[in-house]
Amino acid sequence: MKPFIDHILPQSINIIDLSERQAFALRLLNVCNIEDIYTITKSDLINIRGFGRTSLWDLMDKLAEYGIKIPN
């Protein structure tokens, strides 16, 4: 991984400017730190009621700014 990514992995997801819906969905999946994002999949998020494709795409764009991708 890139050194920048290694530096932010242990940090809270609160460093990312998430919407309430995105933050709620990640909390439901027990994602507290950036590195926890690698334990979930896109389908985990889509299966949360009220979290649709638009929310997923927006979250993926925000994470991409940090070089992070949600696993398939």
PDB file of N, CA and C in Angstrom:
ATOM      1  N   MET A   1       0.832  -1.187   0.000  1.00  0.00           N
ATOM      2  CA  MET A   1       0.000   0.000   0.000  1.00  0.00           C
ATOM      3  C   MET A   1       0.875   1.248   0.000  1.00  0.00           C
ATOM      4  N   LYS A   2       0.285   2.325  -0.418  1.00  0.00           N
ATOM      5  CA  LYS A   2       0.999   3.584  -0.435  1.00  0.00           C
ATOM      6  C   LYS A   2       1.247   4.051   0.995  1.00  0.00           C
ATOM      7  N   PRO A   3       2.361   4.740   1.238  1.00  0.00           N
ATOM      8  CA  PRO A   3       2.631   5.231   2.598  1.00  0.00           C
ATOM      9  C   PRO A   3       1.510   6.104   3.146  1.00  0.00           C
ATOM     10  N   PHE A   4       0.880   6.917   2.296  1.00  0.00           N
ATOM     11  CA  PHE A   4      -0.218   7.769   2.751  1.00  0.00           C
ATOM     12  C   PHE A   4      -1.365   6.928   3.290  1.00  0.00           C
ATOM     13  N   ILE A   5      -1.691   5.862   2.586  1.00  0.00           N
ATOM     14  CA  ILE A   5      -2.787   4.996   3.015  1.00  0.00           C
ATOM     15  C   ILE A   5      -2.435   4.332   4.342  1.00  0.00           C
ATOM     16  N   ASP A   6      -1.207   3.857   4.480  1.00  0.00           N
ATOM     17  CA  ASP A   6      -0.796   3.235   5.731  1.00  0.00           C
ATOM     18  C   ASP A   6      -0.948   4.192   6.903  1.00  0.00           C
ATOM     19  N   HIS A   7      -0.735   5.462   6.646  1.00  0.00           N
ATOM     20  CA  HIS A   7      -0.832   6.468   7.702  1.00  0.00           C
ATOM     21  C   HIS A   7      -2.275   6.694   8.156  1.00  0.00           C
ATOM     22  N   ILE A   8      -3.230   6.624   7.252  1.00  0.00           N
ATOM     23  CA  ILE A   8      -4.611   6.928   7.636  1.00  0.00           C
ATOM     24  C   ILE A   8      -5.424   5.693   8.031  1.00  0.00           C
ATOM     25  N   LEU A   9      -4.949   4.493   7.749  1.00  0.00           N
ATOM     26  CA  LEU A   9      -5.727   3.288   8.043  1.00  0.00           C
ATOM     27  C   LEU A   9      -6.194   3.193   9.491  1.00  0.00           C
ATOM     28  N   PRO A  10      -5.358   3.481  10.475  1.00  0.00           N
ATOM     29  CA  PRO A  10      -5.832   3.346  11.856  1.00  0.00           C
ATOM     30  C   PRO A  10      -6.736   4.493  12.328  1.00  0.00           C
ATOM     31  N   GLN A  11      -6.902   5.509  11.525  1.00  0.00           N
ATOM     32  CA  GLN A  11      -7.693   6.666  11.938  1.00  0.00           C
ATOM     33  C   GLN A  11      -9.195   6.402  11.838  1.00  0.00           C
ATOM     34  N   SER A  12      -9.941   7.169  12.587  1.00  0.00           N
ATOM     35  CA  SER A  12     -11.400   7.059  12.615  1.00  0.00           C
ATOM     36  C   SER A  12     -11.989   7.452  11.260  1.00  0.00           C
ATOM     37  N   ILE A  13     -13.144   6.861  10.936  1.00  0.00           N
ATOM     38  CA  ILE A  13     -13.823   7.227   9.687  1.00  0.00           C
ATOM     39  C   ILE A  13     -14.325   8.663   9.748  1.00  0.00           C
ATOM     40  N   ASN A  14     -14.290   9.258  10.923  1.00  0.00           N
ATOM     41  CA  ASN A  14     -14.752  10.634  11.085  1.00  0.00           C
ATOM     42  C   ASN A  14     -13.878  11.649  10.356  1.00  0.00           C
ATOM     43  N   ILE A  15     -12.673  11.233   9.926  1.00  0.00           N
ATOM     44  CA  ILE A  15     -11.820  12.174   9.192  1.00  0.00           C
ATOM     45  C   ILE A  15     -12.343  12.408   7.780  1.00  0.00           C
ATOM     46  N   ILE A  16     -13.222  11.520   7.319  1.00  0.00           N
ATOM     47  CA  ILE A  16     -13.821  11.650   5.995  1.00  0.00           C
ATOM     48  C   ILE A  16     -15.149  12.378   6.149  1.00  0.00           C
ATOM     49  N   ASP A  17     -15.418  13.309   5.277  1.00  0.00           N
ATOM     50  CA  ASP A  17     -16.649  14.089   5.327  1.00  0.00           C
ATOM     51  C   ASP A  17     -17.816  13.245   4.802  1.00  0.00           C
ATOM     52  N   LEU A  18     -18.389  12.433   5.692  1.00  0.00           N
ATOM     53  CA  LEU A  18     -19.465  11.530   5.320  1.00  0.00           C
ATOM     54  C   LEU A  18     -20.820  12.160   5.602  1.00  0.00           C
ATOM     55  N   SER A  19     -21.798  11.773   4.797  1.00  0.00           N
ATOM     56  CA  SER A  19     -23.172  12.184   5.098  1.00  0.00           C
ATOM     57  C   SER A  19     -23.657  11.362   6.289  1.00  0.00           C
ATOM     58  N   GLU A  20     -24.749  11.789   6.890  1.00  0.00           N
ATOM     59  CA  GLU A  20     -25.322  11.042   8.019  1.00  0.00           C
ATOM     60  C   GLU A  20     -25.686   9.618   7.598  1.00  0.00           C
ATOM     61  N   ARG A  21     -26.240   9.480   6.413  1.00  0.00           N
ATOM     62  CA  ARG A  21     -26.638   8.158   5.912  1.00  0.00           C
ATOM     63  C   ARG A  21     -25.416   7.244   5.755  1.00  0.00           C
ATOM     64  N   GLN A  22     -24.341   7.780   5.205  1.00  0.00           N
ATOM     65  CA  GLN A  22     -23.132   6.983   5.017  1.00  0.00           C
ATOM     66  C   GLN A  22     -22.512   6.597   6.354  1.00  0.00           C
ATOM     67  N   ALA A  23     -22.427   7.547   7.258  1.00  0.00           N
ATOM     68  CA  ALA A  23     -21.850   7.271   8.578  1.00  0.00           C
ATOM     69  C   ALA A  23     -22.690   6.234   9.322  1.00  0.00           C
ATOM     70  N   PHE A  24     -24.014   6.357   9.242  1.00  0.00           N
ATOM     71  CA  PHE A  24     -24.911   5.406   9.896  1.00  0.00           C
ATOM     72  C   PHE A  24     -24.715   4.000   9.327  1.00  0.00           C
ATOM     73  N   ALA A  25     -24.646   3.896   8.009  1.00  0.00           N
ATOM     74  CA  ALA A  25     -24.468   2.590   7.367  1.00  0.00           C
ATOM     75  C   ALA A  25     -23.158   1.947   7.805  1.00  0.00           C
ATOM     76  N   LEU A  26     -22.099   2.729   7.861  1.00  0.00           N
ATOM     77  CA  LEU A  26     -20.811   2.175   8.277  1.00  0.00           C
ATOM     78  C   LEU A  26     -20.843   1.755   9.743  1.00  0.00           C
ATOM     79  N   ARG A  27     -21.505   2.523  10.586  1.00  0.00           N
ATOM     80  CA  ARG A  27     -21.630   2.140  12.003  1.00  0.00           C
ATOM     81  C   ARG A  27     -22.416   0.841  12.142  1.00  0.00           C
ATOM     82  N   LEU A  28     -23.471   0.664  11.332  1.00  0.00           N
ATOM     83  CA  LEU A  28     -24.237  -0.584  11.379  1.00  0.00           C
ATOM     84  C   LEU A  28     -23.361  -1.790  11.061  1.00  0.00           C
ATOM     85  N   LEU A  29     -22.369  -1.586  10.218  1.00  0.00           N
ATOM     86  CA  LEU A  29     -21.473  -2.669   9.819  1.00  0.00           C
ATOM     87  C   LEU A  29     -20.219  -2.722  10.694  1.00  0.00           C
ATOM     88  N   ASN A  30     -20.241  -1.990  11.815  1.00  0.00           N
ATOM     89  CA  ASN A  30     -19.126  -1.967  12.777  1.00  0.00           C
ATOM     90  C   ASN A  30     -17.827  -1.446  12.176  1.00  0.00           C
ATOM     91  N   VAL A  31     -17.943  -0.479  11.282  1.00  0.00           N
ATOM     92  CA  VAL A  31     -16.764   0.162  10.702  1.00  0.00           C
ATOM     93  C   VAL A  31     -16.481   1.412  11.528  1.00  0.00           C
ATOM     94  N   CYS A  32     -15.389   1.377  12.254  1.00  0.00           N
ATOM     95  CA  CYS A  32     -15.009   2.509  13.111  1.00  0.00           C
ATOM     96  C   CYS A  32     -13.770   3.214  12.573  1.00  0.00           C
ATOM     97  N   ASN A  33     -12.851   2.437  12.032  1.00  0.00           N
ATOM     98  CA  ASN A  33     -11.598   2.973  11.490  1.00  0.00           C
ATOM     99  C   ASN A  33     -11.561   2.770   9.989  1.00  0.00           C
ATOM    100  N   ILE A  34     -10.694   3.521   9.350  1.00  0.00           N
ATOM    101  CA  ILE A  34     -10.554   3.408   7.896  1.00  0.00           C
ATOM    102  C   ILE A  34     -10.234   1.964   7.501  1.00  0.00           C
ATOM    103  N   GLU A  35      -9.358   1.315   8.251  1.00  0.00           N
ATOM    104  CA  GLU A  35      -8.964  -0.048   7.878  1.00  0.00           C
ATOM    105  C   GLU A  35     -10.132  -1.027   7.959  1.00  0.00           C
ATOM    106  N   ASP A  36     -11.148  -0.728   8.759  1.00  0.00           N
ATOM    107  CA  ASP A  36     -12.329  -1.594   8.853  1.00  0.00           C
ATOM    108  C   ASP A  36     -13.120  -1.634   7.549  1.00  0.00           C
ATOM    109  N   ILE A  37     -12.939  -0.645   6.703  1.00  0.00           N
ATOM    110  CA  ILE A  37     -13.670  -0.606   5.428  1.00  0.00           C
ATOM    111  C   ILE A  37     -13.341  -1.838   4.596  1.00  0.00           C
ATOM    112  N   TYR A  38     -12.141  -2.374   4.772  1.00  0.00           N
ATOM    113  CA  TYR A  38     -11.735  -3.549   3.995  1.00  0.00           C
ATOM    114  C   TYR A  38     -12.408  -4.829   4.470  1.00  0.00           C
ATOM    115  N   THR A  39     -13.205  -4.754   5.539  1.00  0.00           N
ATOM    116  CA  THR A  39     -13.909  -5.936   6.039  1.00  0.00           C
ATOM    117  C   THR A  39     -15.338  -6.017   5.518  1.00  0.00           C
ATOM    118  N   ILE A  40     -15.776  -5.007   4.762  1.00  0.00           N
ATOM    119  CA  ILE A  40     -17.135  -4.994   4.230  1.00  0.00           C
ATOM    120  C   ILE A  40     -17.100  -5.053   2.716  1.00  0.00           C
ATOM    121  N   THR A  41     -18.247  -5.290   2.135  1.00  0.00           N
ATOM    122  CA  THR A  41     -18.352  -5.303   0.676  1.00  0.00           C
ATOM    123  C   THR A  41     -19.420  -4.305   0.237  1.00  0.00           C
ATOM    124  N   LYS A  42     -19.438  -4.043  -1.041  1.00  0.00           N
ATOM    125  CA  LYS A  42     -20.455  -3.146  -1.602  1.00  0.00           C
ATOM    126  C   LYS A  42     -21.849  -3.705  -1.360  1.00  0.00           C
ATOM    127  N   SER A  43     -22.003  -5.009  -1.491  1.00  0.00           N
ATOM    128  CA  SER A  43     -23.326  -5.599  -1.277  1.00  0.00           C
ATOM    129  C   SER A  43     -23.751  -5.508   0.188  1.00  0.00           C
ATOM    130  N   ASP A  44     -22.792  -5.515   1.130  1.00  0.00           N
ATOM    131  CA  ASP A  44     -23.144  -5.295   2.539  1.00  0.00           C
ATOM    132  C   ASP A  44     -23.824  -3.941   2.692  1.00  0.00           C
ATOM    133  N   LEU A  45     -23.283  -2.939   2.044  1.00  0.00           N
ATOM    134  CA  LEU A  45     -23.836  -1.589   2.133  1.00  0.00           C
ATOM    135  C   LEU A  45     -25.188  -1.489   1.430  1.00  0.00           C
ATOM    136  N   ILE A  46     -25.280  -2.034   0.236  1.00  0.00           N
ATOM    137  CA  ILE A  46     -26.519  -1.962  -0.541  1.00  0.00           C
ATOM    138  C   ILE A  46     -27.665  -2.663   0.194  1.00  0.00           C
ATOM    139  N   ASN A  47     -27.347  -3.668   0.986  1.00  0.00           N
ATOM    140  CA  ASN A  47     -28.392  -4.403   1.707  1.00  0.00           C
ATOM    141  C   ASN A  47     -28.940  -3.638   2.908  1.00  0.00           C
ATOM    142  N   ILE A  48     -28.357  -2.510   3.246  1.00  0.00           N
ATOM    143  CA  ILE A  48     -28.873  -1.686   4.338  1.00  0.00           C
ATOM    144  C   ILE A  48     -30.029  -0.861   3.798  1.00  0.00           C
ATOM    145  N   ARG A  49     -31.137  -0.929   4.489  1.00  0.00           N
ATOM    146  CA  ARG A  49     -32.325  -0.199   4.051  1.00  0.00           C
ATOM    147  C   ARG A  49     -32.028   1.298   4.001  1.00  0.00           C
ATOM    148  N   GLY A  50     -32.361   1.922   2.892  1.00  0.00           N
ATOM    149  CA  GLY A  50     -32.157   3.353   2.714  1.00  0.00           C
ATOM    150  C   GLY A  50     -30.790   3.723   2.173  1.00  0.00           C
ATOM    151  N   PHE A  51     -29.918   2.732   2.000  1.00  0.00           N
ATOM    152  CA  PHE A  51     -28.595   2.993   1.446  1.00  0.00           C
ATOM    153  C   PHE A  51     -28.562   2.415   0.039  1.00  0.00           C
ATOM    154  N   GLY A  52     -28.723   3.270  -0.947  1.00  0.00           N
ATOM    155  CA  GLY A  52     -28.812   2.810  -2.330  1.00  0.00           C
ATOM    156  C   GLY A  52     -27.542   3.040  -3.115  1.00  0.00           C
ATOM    157  N   ARG A  53     -27.684   2.865  -4.404  1.00  0.00           N
ATOM    158  CA  ARG A  53     -26.526   3.000  -5.298  1.00  0.00           C
ATOM    159  C   ARG A  53     -25.928   4.396  -5.270  1.00  0.00           C
ATOM    160  N   THR A  54     -26.785   5.409  -5.215  1.00  0.00           N
ATOM    161  CA  THR A  54     -26.277   6.783  -5.201  1.00  0.00           C
ATOM    162  C   THR A  54     -25.430   7.029  -3.962  1.00  0.00           C
ATOM    163  N   SER A  55     -25.893   6.549  -2.810  1.00  0.00           N
ATOM    164  CA  SER A  55     -25.121   6.688  -1.576  1.00  0.00           C
ATOM    165  C   SER A  55     -23.803   5.922  -1.682  1.00  0.00           C
ATOM    166  N   LEU A  56     -23.866   4.750  -2.281  1.00  0.00           N
ATOM    167  CA  LEU A  56     -22.660   3.942  -2.444  1.00  0.00           C
ATOM    168  C   LEU A  56     -21.661   4.643  -3.349  1.00  0.00           C
ATOM    169  N   TRP A  57     -22.116   5.153  -4.481  1.00  0.00           N
ATOM    170  CA  TRP A  57     -21.214   5.836  -5.414  1.00  0.00           C
ATOM    171  C   TRP A  57     -20.579   7.063  -4.771  1.00  0.00           C
ATOM    172  N   ASP A  58     -21.380   7.810  -4.023  1.00  0.00           N
ATOM    173  CA  ASP A  58     -20.862   8.992  -3.339  1.00  0.00           C
ATOM    174  C   ASP A  58     -19.805   8.599  -2.303  1.00  0.00           C
ATOM    175  N   LEU A  59     -20.075   7.541  -1.548  1.00  0.00           N
ATOM    176  CA  LEU A  59     -19.107   7.054  -0.562  1.00  0.00           C
ATOM    177  C   LEU A  59     -17.827   6.594  -1.251  1.00  0.00           C
ATOM    178  N   MET A  60     -17.973   5.868  -2.344  1.00  0.00           N
ATOM    179  CA  MET A  60     -16.799   5.384  -3.068  1.00  0.00           C
ATOM    180  C   MET A  60     -15.963   6.551  -3.590  1.00  0.00           C
ATOM    181  N   ASP A  61     -16.607   7.619  -4.053  1.00  0.00           N
ATOM    182  CA  ASP A  61     -15.877   8.802  -4.515  1.00  0.00           C
ATOM    183  C   ASP A  61     -15.095   9.444  -3.376  1.00  0.00           C
ATOM    184  N   LYS A  62     -15.721   9.550  -2.213  1.00  0.00           N
ATOM    185  CA  LYS A  62     -15.051  10.151  -1.059  1.00  0.00           C
ATOM    186  C   LYS A  62     -13.859   9.310  -0.611  1.00  0.00           C
ATOM    187  N   LEU A  63     -14.029   8.002  -0.611  1.00  0.00           N
ATOM    188  CA  LEU A  63     -12.938   7.115  -0.214  1.00  0.00           C
ATOM    189  C   LEU A  63     -11.809   7.136  -1.242  1.00  0.00           C
ATOM    190  N   ALA A  64     -12.158   7.256  -2.501  1.00  0.00           N
ATOM    191  CA  ALA A  64     -11.155   7.294  -3.572  1.00  0.00           C
ATOM    192  C   ALA A  64     -10.209   8.465  -3.409  1.00  0.00           C
ATOM    193  N   GLU A  65     -10.693   9.558  -2.828  1.00  0.00           N
ATOM    194  CA  GLU A  65      -9.817  10.716  -2.572  1.00  0.00           C
ATOM    195  C   GLU A  65      -8.670  10.339  -1.644  1.00  0.00           C
ATOM    196  N   TYR A  66      -8.867   9.320  -0.835  1.00  0.00           N
ATOM    197  CA  TYR A  66      -7.838   8.841   0.087  1.00  0.00           C
ATOM    198  C   TYR A  66      -7.135   7.583  -0.433  1.00  0.00           C
ATOM    199  N   GLY A  67      -7.484   7.161  -1.634  1.00  0.00           N
ATOM    200  CA  GLY A  67      -6.866   5.981  -2.219  1.00  0.00           C
ATOM    201  C   GLY A  67      -7.432   4.683  -1.687  1.00  0.00           C
ATOM    202  N   ILE A  68      -8.665   4.714  -1.182  1.00  0.00           N
ATOM    203  CA  ILE A  68      -9.293   3.558  -0.569  1.00  0.00           C
ATOM    204  C   ILE A  68     -10.420   3.062  -1.455  1.00  0.00           C
ATOM    205  N   LYS A  69     -10.508   1.744  -1.606  1.00  0.00           N
ATOM    206  CA  LYS A  69     -11.579   1.133  -2.391  1.00  0.00           C
ATOM    207  C   LYS A  69     -12.320   0.115  -1.525  1.00  0.00           C
ATOM    208  N   ILE A  70     -13.634   0.098  -1.662  1.00  0.00           N
ATOM    209  CA  ILE A  70     -14.446  -0.901  -0.966  1.00  0.00           C
ATOM    210  C   ILE A  70     -14.360  -2.189  -1.765  1.00  0.00           C
ATOM    211  N   PRO A  71     -14.063  -3.317  -1.097  1.00  0.00           N
ATOM    212  CA  PRO A  71     -14.008  -4.587  -1.836  1.00  0.00           C
ATOM    213  C   PRO A  71     -15.360  -4.929  -2.461  1.00  0.00           C
ATOM    214  N   ASN A  72     -15.317  -5.702  -3.535  1.00  0.00           N
ATOM    215  CA  ASN A  72     -16.556  -6.127  -4.192  1.00  0.00           C
ATOM    216  C   ASN A  72     -17.251  -7.073  -3.279  1.00  0.00           C
TER     217      ASN A  72
END
